[in-house]
Amino acid sequence: METVSKVSTKGQVVIPAELRKRHHLEPGEDVRIFEYGEVICLAPMVKDAVGAAYGSLPAGPSLAEELRQERGQDFAGE
């Protein structure tokens, strides 16, 4: 979606209702504003960083399992 919004004399910009609904933005919520080269980006703040990151890495053996396997090999090699 692309839209045009004017910057007010106070530096305010209106986020279209469709985008606010899609990204669950409510009045008073914080958003991140950052530069990416020549582009100004606005992004919703992540409310639950751990929950948002959960599942983003491929599943594999746990660290404990890796240590058990590694130590088991060490003991077998002695």
PDB file of N, CA and C in Angstrom:
ATOM      1  N   MET A   1       0.843  -1.176   0.000  1.00  0.00           N
ATOM      2  CA  MET A   1       0.000   0.000   0.000  1.00  0.00           C
ATOM      3  C   MET A   1       0.883   1.232   0.000  1.00  0.00           C
ATOM      4  N   GLU A   2       0.536   2.206  -0.789  1.00  0.00           N
ATOM      5  CA  GLU A   2       1.253   3.479  -0.818  1.00  0.00           C
ATOM      6  C   GLU A   2       0.223   4.590  -0.733  1.00  0.00           C
ATOM      7  N   THR A   3       0.524   5.593   0.066  1.00  0.00           N
ATOM      8  CA  THR A   3      -0.380   6.724   0.229  1.00  0.00           C
ATOM      9  C   THR A   3       0.438   7.978   0.469  1.00  0.00           C
ATOM     10  N   VAL A   4      -0.196   9.131   0.396  1.00  0.00           N
ATOM     11  CA  VAL A   4       0.478  10.410   0.617  1.00  0.00           C
ATOM     12  C   VAL A   4      -0.145  11.066   1.841  1.00  0.00           C
ATOM     13  N   SER A   5       0.697  11.630   2.691  1.00  0.00           N
ATOM     14  CA  SER A   5       0.237  12.339   3.877  1.00  0.00           C
ATOM     15  C   SER A   5       1.077  13.593   4.023  1.00  0.00           C
ATOM     16  N   LYS A   6       0.466  14.678   4.454  1.00  0.00           N
ATOM     17  CA  LYS A   6       1.202  15.933   4.642  1.00  0.00           C
ATOM     18  C   LYS A   6       1.768  16.013   6.051  1.00  0.00           C
ATOM     19  N   VAL A   7       2.878  16.698   6.174  1.00  0.00           N
ATOM     20  CA  VAL A   7       3.471  16.964   7.480  1.00  0.00           C
ATOM     21  C   VAL A   7       2.868  18.268   7.978  1.00  0.00           C
ATOM     22  N   SER A   8       2.297  18.235   9.189  1.00  0.00           N
ATOM     23  CA  SER A   8       1.673  19.436   9.744  1.00  0.00           C
ATOM     24  C   SER A   8       2.742  20.408  10.233  1.00  0.00           C
ATOM     25  N   THR A   9       2.320  21.595  10.616  1.00  0.00           N
ATOM     26  CA  THR A   9       3.256  22.595  11.145  1.00  0.00           C
ATOM     27  C   THR A   9       3.898  22.117  12.443  1.00  0.00           C
ATOM     28  N   LYS A  10       3.272  21.145  13.114  1.00  0.00           N
ATOM     29  CA  LYS A  10       3.828  20.571  14.345  1.00  0.00           C
ATOM     30  C   LYS A  10       4.691  19.340  14.059  1.00  0.00           C
ATOM     31  N   GLY A  11       4.868  18.995  12.776  1.00  0.00           N
ATOM     32  CA  GLY A  11       5.675  17.830  12.413  1.00  0.00           C
ATOM     33  C   GLY A  11       4.907  16.525  12.481  1.00  0.00           C
ATOM     34  N   GLN A  12       3.584  16.586  12.588  1.00  0.00           N
ATOM     35  CA  GLN A  12       2.768  15.383  12.685  1.00  0.00           C
ATOM     36  C   GLN A  12       2.383  14.859  11.305  1.00  0.00           C
ATOM     37  N   VAL A  13       2.274  13.535  11.212  1.00  0.00           N
ATOM     38  CA  VAL A  13       1.869  12.861   9.977  1.00  0.00           C
ATOM     39  C   VAL A  13       0.739  11.900  10.337  1.00  0.00           C
ATOM     40  N   VAL A  14      -0.292  11.840   9.509  1.00  0.00           N
ATOM     41  CA  VAL A  14      -1.412  10.928   9.747  1.00  0.00           C
ATOM     42  C   VAL A  14      -1.091   9.565   9.137  1.00  0.00           C
ATOM     43  N   ILE A  15      -1.260   8.508   9.937  1.00  0.00           N
ATOM     44  CA  ILE A  15      -1.120   7.136   9.443  1.00  0.00           C
ATOM     45  C   ILE A  15      -2.519   6.701   9.016  1.00  0.00           C
ATOM     46  N   PRO A  16      -2.697   6.289   7.769  1.00  0.00           N
ATOM     47  CA  PRO A  16      -4.028   5.902   7.302  1.00  0.00           C
ATOM     48  C   PRO A  16      -4.665   4.820   8.184  1.00  0.00           C
ATOM     49  N   ALA A  17      -5.987   4.903   8.343  1.00  0.00           N
ATOM     50  CA  ALA A  17      -6.729   3.974   9.201  1.00  0.00           C
ATOM     51  C   ALA A  17      -6.482   2.517   8.825  1.00  0.00           C
ATOM     52  N   GLU A  18      -6.421   2.221   7.534  1.00  0.00           N
ATOM     53  CA  GLU A  18      -6.198   0.839   7.091  1.00  0.00           C
ATOM     54  C   GLU A  18      -4.882   0.293   7.643  1.00  0.00           C
ATOM     55  N   LEU A  19      -3.827   1.108   7.616  1.00  0.00           N
ATOM     56  CA  LEU A  19      -2.529   0.667   8.145  1.00  0.00           C
ATOM     57  C   LEU A  19      -2.566   0.557   9.664  1.00  0.00           C
ATOM     58  N   ARG A  20      -3.228   1.497  10.335  1.00  0.00           N
ATOM     59  CA  ARG A  20      -3.339   1.423  11.799  1.00  0.00           C
ATOM     60  C   ARG A  20      -4.047   0.144  12.218  1.00  0.00           C
ATOM     61  N   LYS A  21      -5.110  -0.214  11.509  1.00  0.00           N
ATOM     62  CA  LYS A  21      -5.849  -1.445  11.833  1.00  0.00           C
ATOM     63  C   LYS A  21      -5.002  -2.677  11.550  1.00  0.00           C
ATOM     64  N   ARG A  22      -4.347  -2.706  10.403  1.00  0.00           N
ATOM     65  CA  ARG A  22      -3.544  -3.868  10.009  1.00  0.00           C
ATOM     66  C   ARG A  22      -2.415  -4.133  10.998  1.00  0.00           C
ATOM     67  N   HIS A  23      -1.844  -3.058  11.550  1.00  0.00           N
ATOM     68  CA  HIS A  23      -0.704  -3.208  12.464  1.00  0.00           C
ATOM     69  C   HIS A  23      -1.097  -3.012  13.921  1.00  0.00           C
ATOM     70  N   HIS A  24      -2.403  -2.997  14.185  1.00  0.00           N
ATOM     71  CA  HIS A  24      -2.941  -2.914  15.551  1.00  0.00           C
ATOM     72  C   HIS A  24      -2.389  -1.711  16.317  1.00  0.00           C
ATOM     73  N   LEU A  25      -2.322  -0.564  15.656  1.00  0.00           N
ATOM     74  CA  LEU A  25      -1.843   0.661  16.304  1.00  0.00           C
ATOM     75  C   LEU A  25      -3.021   1.381  16.952  1.00  0.00           C
ATOM     76  N   GLU A  26      -2.901   1.654  18.229  1.00  0.00           N
ATOM     77  CA  GLU A  26      -3.932   2.359  18.983  1.00  0.00           C
ATOM     78  C   GLU A  26      -3.413   3.740  19.357  1.00  0.00           C
ATOM     79  N   PRO A  27      -4.311   4.710  19.566  1.00  0.00           N
ATOM     80  CA  PRO A  27      -3.870   6.050  19.981  1.00  0.00           C
ATOM     81  C   PRO A  27      -2.996   5.978  21.235  1.00  0.00           C
ATOM     82  N   GLY A  28      -1.911   6.718  21.236  1.00  0.00           N
ATOM     83  CA  GLY A  28      -0.998   6.763  22.376  1.00  0.00           C
ATOM     84  C   GLY A  28       0.115   5.729  22.334  1.00  0.00           C
ATOM     85  N   GLU A  29       0.060   4.775  21.396  1.00  0.00           N
ATOM     86  CA  GLU A  29       1.120   3.764  21.311  1.00  0.00           C
ATOM     87  C   GLU A  29       2.388   4.365  20.722  1.00  0.00           C
ATOM     88  N   ASP A  30       3.524   3.822  21.131  1.00  0.00           N
ATOM     89  CA  ASP A  30       4.811   4.267  20.605  1.00  0.00           C
ATOM     90  C   ASP A  30       5.120   3.563  19.292  1.00  0.00           C
ATOM     91  N   VAL A  31       5.814   4.276  18.404  1.00  0.00           N
ATOM     92  CA  VAL A  31       6.323   3.703  17.159  1.00  0.00           C
ATOM     93  C   VAL A  31       7.793   4.082  17.048  1.00  0.00           C
ATOM     94  N   ARG A  32       8.556   3.244  16.350  1.00  0.00           N
ATOM     95  CA  ARG A  32       9.967   3.554  16.102  1.00  0.00           C
ATOM     96  C   ARG A  32      10.051   4.350  14.813  1.00  0.00           C
ATOM     97  N   ILE A  33      10.900   5.371  14.804  1.00  0.00           N
ATOM     98  CA  ILE A  33      11.168   6.145  13.596  1.00  0.00           C
ATOM     99  C   ILE A  33      12.672   6.095  13.380  1.00  0.00           C
ATOM    100  N   PHE A  34      13.075   5.660  12.192  1.00  0.00           N
ATOM    101  CA  PHE A  34      14.502   5.546  11.910  1.00  0.00           C
ATOM    102  C   PHE A  34      14.755   5.818  10.437  1.00  0.00           C
ATOM    103  N   GLU A  35      16.013   6.109  10.129  1.00  0.00           N
ATOM    104  CA  GLU A  35      16.420   6.354   8.744  1.00  0.00           C
ATOM    105  C   GLU A  35      17.026   5.089   8.165  1.00  0.00           C
ATOM    106  N   TYR A  36      16.724   4.846   6.919  1.00  0.00           N
ATOM    107  CA  TYR A  36      17.335   3.751   6.179  1.00  0.00           C
ATOM    108  C   TYR A  36      17.812   4.365   4.875  1.00  0.00           C
ATOM    109  N   GLY A  37      19.055   4.836   4.881  1.00  0.00           N
ATOM    110  CA  GLY A  37      19.563   5.588   3.725  1.00  0.00           C
ATOM    111  C   GLY A  37      18.820   6.910   3.624  1.00  0.00           C
ATOM    112  N   GLU A  38      18.180   7.145   2.494  1.00  0.00           N
ATOM    113  CA  GLU A  38      17.422   8.378   2.270  1.00  0.00           C
ATOM    114  C   GLU A  38      15.944   8.229   2.629  1.00  0.00           C
ATOM    115  N   VAL A  39      15.574   7.105   3.232  1.00  0.00           N
ATOM    116  CA  VAL A  39      14.171   6.813   3.532  1.00  0.00           C
ATOM    117  C   VAL A  39      13.927   6.947   5.031  1.00  0.00           C
ATOM    118  N   ILE A  40      12.814   7.563   5.404  1.00  0.00           N
ATOM    119  CA  ILE A  40      12.392   7.636   6.804  1.00  0.00           C
ATOM    120  C   ILE A  40      11.404   6.500   7.020  1.00  0.00           C
ATOM    121  N   CYS A  41      11.682   5.650   7.993  1.00  0.00           N
ATOM    122  CA  CYS A  41      10.835   4.481   8.261  1.00  0.00           C
ATOM    123  C   CYS A  41      10.121   4.643   9.594  1.00  0.00           C
ATOM    124  N   LEU A  42       8.909   4.153   9.648  1.00  0.00           N
ATOM    125  CA  LEU A  42       8.109   4.167  10.861  1.00  0.00           C
ATOM    126  C   LEU A  42       7.652   2.730  11.088  1.00  0.00           C
ATOM    127  N   ALA A  43       7.882   2.189  12.278  1.00  0.00           N
ATOM    128  CA  ALA A  43       7.537   0.793  12.546  1.00  0.00           C
ATOM    129  C   ALA A  43       6.894   0.671  13.920  1.00  0.00           C
ATOM    130  N   PRO A  44       5.896  -0.204  14.044  1.00  0.00           N
ATOM    131  CA  PRO A  44       5.290  -0.436  15.357  1.00  0.00           C
ATOM    132  C   PRO A  44       6.335  -0.989  16.321  1.00  0.00           C
ATOM    133  N   MET A  45       6.227  -0.607  17.584  1.00  0.00           N
ATOM    134  CA  MET A  45       7.111  -1.161  18.606  1.00  0.00           C
ATOM    135  C   MET A  45       6.692  -2.600  18.869  1.00  0.00           C
ATOM    136  N   VAL A  46       7.663  -3.464  19.080  1.00  0.00           N
ATOM    137  CA  VAL A  46       7.374  -4.855  19.406  1.00  0.00           C
ATOM    138  C   VAL A  46       6.999  -4.907  20.877  1.00  0.00           C
ATOM    139  N   LYS A  47       5.788  -5.379  21.164  1.00  0.00           N
ATOM    140  CA  LYS A  47       5.304  -5.412  22.546  1.00  0.00           C
ATOM    141  C   LYS A  47       5.902  -6.572  23.325  1.00  0.00           C
ATOM    142  N   ASP A  48       6.136  -7.670  22.657  1.00  0.00           N
ATOM    143  CA  ASP A  48       6.678  -8.865  23.294  1.00  0.00           C
ATOM    144  C   ASP A  48       7.827  -9.373  22.429  1.00  0.00           C
ATOM    145  N   ALA A  49       9.026  -8.866  22.686  1.00  0.00           N
ATOM    146  CA  ALA A  49      10.176  -9.199  21.843  1.00  0.00           C
ATOM    147  C   ALA A  49      10.469 -10.695  21.845  1.00  0.00           C
ATOM    148  N   VAL A  50      10.348 -11.344  22.991  1.00  0.00           N
ATOM    149  CA  VAL A  50      10.626 -12.778  23.067  1.00  0.00           C
ATOM    150  C   VAL A  50       9.593 -13.545  22.251  1.00  0.00           C
ATOM    151  N   GLY A  51       8.327 -13.188  22.411  1.00  0.00           N
ATOM    152  CA  GLY A  51       7.265 -13.852  21.658  1.00  0.00           C
ATOM    153  C   GLY A  51       7.403 -13.628  20.163  1.00  0.00           C
ATOM    154  N   ALA A  52       7.802 -12.423  19.775  1.00  0.00           N
ATOM    155  CA  ALA A  52       7.963 -12.113  18.358  1.00  0.00           C
ATOM    156  C   ALA A  52       9.124 -12.897  17.750  1.00  0.00           C
ATOM    157  N   ALA A  53      10.176 -13.134  18.533  1.00  0.00           N
ATOM    158  CA  ALA A  53      11.347 -13.846  18.025  1.00  0.00           C
ATOM    159  C   ALA A  53      11.178 -15.360  18.085  1.00  0.00           C
ATOM    160  N   TYR A  54      10.258 -15.837  18.930  1.00  0.00           N
ATOM    161  CA  TYR A  54      10.076 -17.279  19.106  1.00  0.00           C
ATOM    162  C   TYR A  54       9.745 -17.940  17.774  1.00  0.00           C
ATOM    163  N   GLY A  55      10.477 -18.975  17.451  1.00  0.00           N
ATOM    164  CA  GLY A  55      10.238 -19.715  16.223  1.00  0.00           C
ATOM    165  C   GLY A  55      10.961 -19.152  15.011  1.00  0.00           C
ATOM    166  N   SER A  56      11.706 -18.067  15.181  1.00  0.00           N
ATOM    167  CA  SER A  56      12.388 -17.469  14.033  1.00  0.00           C
ATOM    168  C   SER A  56      13.668 -18.219  13.663  1.00  0.00           C
ATOM    169  N   LEU A  57      14.188 -19.017  14.574  1.00  0.00           N
ATOM    170  CA  LEU A  57      15.378 -19.819  14.295  1.00  0.00           C
ATOM    171  C   LEU A  57      14.964 -21.263  14.048  1.00  0.00           C
ATOM    172  N   PRO A  58      15.718 -21.964  13.217  1.00  0.00           N
ATOM    173  CA  PRO A  58      15.364 -23.359  12.961  1.00  0.00           C
ATOM    174  C   PRO A  58      15.503 -24.197  14.227  1.00  0.00           C
ATOM    175  N   ALA A  59      14.607 -25.147  14.387  1.00  0.00           N
ATOM    176  CA  ALA A  59      14.659 -26.027  15.552  1.00  0.00           C
ATOM    177  C   ALA A  59      15.849 -26.965  15.417  1.00  0.00           C
ATOM    178  N   GLY A  60      16.445 -27.274  16.522  1.00  0.00           N
ATOM    179  CA  GLY A  60      17.583 -28.191  16.522  1.00  0.00           C
ATOM    180  C   GLY A  60      17.753 -28.745  17.920  1.00  0.00           C
ATOM    181  N   PRO A  61      18.805 -29.504  18.140  1.00  0.00           N
ATOM    182  CA  PRO A  61      19.020 -30.046  19.481  1.00  0.00           C
ATOM    183  C   PRO A  61      19.282 -28.916  20.473  1.00  0.00           C
ATOM    184  N   SER A  62      18.840 -29.127  21.700  1.00  0.00           N
ATOM    185  CA  SER A  62      19.062 -28.117  22.731  1.00  0.00           C
ATOM    186  C   SER A  62      20.547 -28.082  23.095  1.00  0.00           C
ATOM    187  N   LEU A  63      20.946 -27.019  23.739  1.00  0.00           N
ATOM    188  CA  LEU A  63      22.334 -26.898  24.178  1.00  0.00           C
ATOM    189  C   LEU A  63      22.677 -28.033  25.134  1.00  0.00           C
ATOM    190  N   ALA A  64      21.732 -28.376  26.020  1.00  0.00           N
ATOM    191  CA  ALA A  64      21.973 -29.470  26.965  1.00  0.00           C
ATOM    192  C   ALA A  64      22.212 -30.779  26.217  1.00  0.00           C
ATOM    193  N   GLU A  65      21.414 -31.038  25.178  1.00  0.00           N
ATOM    194  CA  GLU A  65      21.582 -32.264  24.397  1.00  0.00           C
ATOM    195  C   GLU A  65      22.930 -32.270  23.677  1.00  0.00           C
ATOM    196  N   GLU A  66      23.325 -31.137  23.128  1.00  0.00           N
ATOM    197  CA  GLU A  66      24.630 -31.050  22.463  1.00  0.00           C
ATOM    198  C   GLU A  66      25.756 -31.339  23.447  1.00  0.00           C
ATOM    199  N   LEU A  67      25.654 -30.784  24.666  1.00  0.00           N
ATOM    200  CA  LEU A  67      26.688 -31.031  25.678  1.00  0.00           C
ATOM    201  C   LEU A  67      26.737 -32.506  26.067  1.00  0.00           C
ATOM    202  N   ARG A  68      25.564 -33.126  26.234  1.00  0.00           N
ATOM    203  CA  ARG A  68      25.533 -34.556  26.568  1.00  0.00           C
ATOM    204  C   ARG A  68      26.227 -35.377  25.484  1.00  0.00           C
ATOM    205  N   GLN A  69      25.921 -35.078  24.240  1.00  0.00           N
ATOM    206  CA  GLN A  69      26.531 -35.817  23.131  1.00  0.00           C
ATOM    207  C   GLN A  69      28.038 -35.591  23.098  1.00  0.00           C
ATOM    208  N   GLU A  70      28.440 -34.337  23.283  1.00  0.00           N
ATOM    209  CA  GLU A  70      29.865 -34.005  23.241  1.00  0.00           C
ATOM    210  C   GLU A  70      30.614 -34.683  24.388  1.00  0.00           C
ATOM    211  N   ARG A  71      30.061 -34.611  25.585  1.00  0.00           N
ATOM    212  CA  ARG A  71      30.719 -35.222  26.746  1.00  0.00           C
ATOM    213  C   ARG A  71      30.710 -36.741  26.645  1.00  0.00           C
ATOM    214  N   GLY A  72      29.649 -37.278  26.102  1.00  0.00           N
ATOM    215  CA  GLY A  72      29.588 -38.731  25.907  1.00  0.00           C
ATOM    216  C   GLY A  72      30.682 -39.198  24.971  1.00  0.00           C
ATOM    217  N   GLN A  73      30.952 -38.434  23.935  1.00  0.00           N
ATOM    218  CA  GLN A  73      32.016 -38.778  22.993  1.00  0.00           C
ATOM    219  C   GLN A  73      33.373 -38.646  23.663  1.00  0.00           C
ATOM    220  N   ASP A  74      33.529 -37.617  24.522  1.00  0.00           N
ATOM    221  CA  ASP A  74      34.798 -37.441  25.231  1.00  0.00           C
ATOM    222  C   ASP A  74      35.077 -38.631  26.145  1.00  0.00           C
ATOM    223  N   PHE A  75      34.038 -39.072  26.889  1.00  0.00           N
ATOM    224  CA  PHE A  75      34.229 -40.195  27.800  1.00  0.00           C
ATOM    225  C   PHE A  75      34.495 -41.487  27.032  1.00  0.00           C
ATOM    226  N   ALA A  76      33.865 -41.657  25.903  1.00  0.00           N
ATOM    227  CA  ALA A  76      34.055 -42.871  25.106  1.00  0.00           C
ATOM    228  C   ALA A  76      35.458 -42.911  24.504  1.00  0.00           C
ATOM    229  N   GLY A  77      36.040 -41.738  24.240  1.00  0.00           N
ATOM    230  CA  GLY A  77      37.355 -41.676  23.609  1.00  0.00           C
ATOM    231  C   GLY A  77      38.503 -41.819  24.581  1.00  0.00           C
ATOM    232  N   GLU A  78      38.245 -41.770  25.863  1.00  0.00           N
ATOM    233  CA  GLU A  78      39.333 -41.857  26.847  1.00  0.00           C
ATOM    234  C   GLU A  78      39.734 -43.266  27.143  1.00  0.00           C
TER     235      GLU A  78
END
